[in-house]
Amino acid sequence: MSISIALHALEQGLIFGIMVLGVFLTYKILDFPDLTVDGSFTLGAAVTATIIFSGGSPLWGISLAIISGSLAGLFTGFLHTKLKLSNLLSGILTMTLLYSVNLRIMGKPNIPLLGKETILEKIAIYLPHISGNYLIPFFFLILVIIIKFALDLFLSTEIGLAIIATGDNEQMIKSLGANTDLTKIIGLSLSNALVALSGAFFAQYSGFADVNMGLGTIVSGLASVIIGISIIRTPTIFWRTIAVVIGSLLYRLIMIIALRYGYRLGFKPGDLKLISAVLVIVALAVPLIKKRIDFLTSFNLGRKDLQNNHKEV
């Protein structure tokens, strides 16, 4: 594997790692499968690209992307907690309406950012001593580390612990007088703010924003979370957030290798969604298969011990 492929996977893995932390917050912590992600990722890209294309500051665009993503999560939370819609339906409705919202924001299906000043150009000015090939990975590595520790710190606060408790046992936390509607809304808002932030950076990294660029984001996010947690099984929040970022890096590496060399096996670029879905299925199936193998192994050992005891008798 060449260094360029590894760097490319590292860059994309870290950018999408921000999104994966958001998916982890809803899927694993809050126990809320949030399909808003597909729309809020594009929302962050659309808001940032529109502002940069209009001559605005990239930082201003990123800030508005975070606010927009949090509002999208808040809307999903409102549908679920106040209108009593199921979590899946709430996410689907928000994702669907965000498609039109993103088109309205962009004014057209695609916005190119070639020749426009993005945050990456600004970083290059302030960090001239870092080689161009390593500048982007270095910047996003530092950013992901900051976000990871900020999320860890948040989840150790009273509100964060209430969010964890809501995901673990909602009825119990309700009986203690906690407002689970509020914890769900906060969790969804924070999650989609992170997803939109990832979209904002990905638009600047790729040099464009497209209204369909968020399709399959939730699948890749879930795949990264499942892969990471399957590798690192330590239950603490500190290690779980590290695990999902590692999962994002491995997932992007697999996808890039599949895109680069998959043609030898007959794969086409259009098969990436298929590969992504298969990875999720495999990641979900492996723990179950391992558990089944462990059960059969222990069962066979138990039978052998019982047979040996009968022989001795």
Foldseek 3Di string as FASTA:
>chain_A
DDPLLLLVLLLQLLLLLLLLLLCCLCVPQQVFLALLLLLLLLQLQLQQLLQQLVVHASVVSLVVSLVVQLVLLLQLLCCCPVVVDHRVVSRVVSSVVSLVVSCVSNVHFKHFQVPTDHVLNVQCVVPVVDDPSCSSSVVSVVVLVVVLVVLLVVLPDPLNVLSNVCNVPVVVSVVVVDDSSVSSSNSSSNSSSSSSSSSSVVCVVVRMRGSNVSPCSSLLSLLLLLQLCVVPVDPRSSSSSVSSSVSSSVSSSVLSCCDVPVVVVVDHPVCSSVVSNVSNVCSVVVVVVVVVVVVVVVVVVVVVVVVVVVVVD
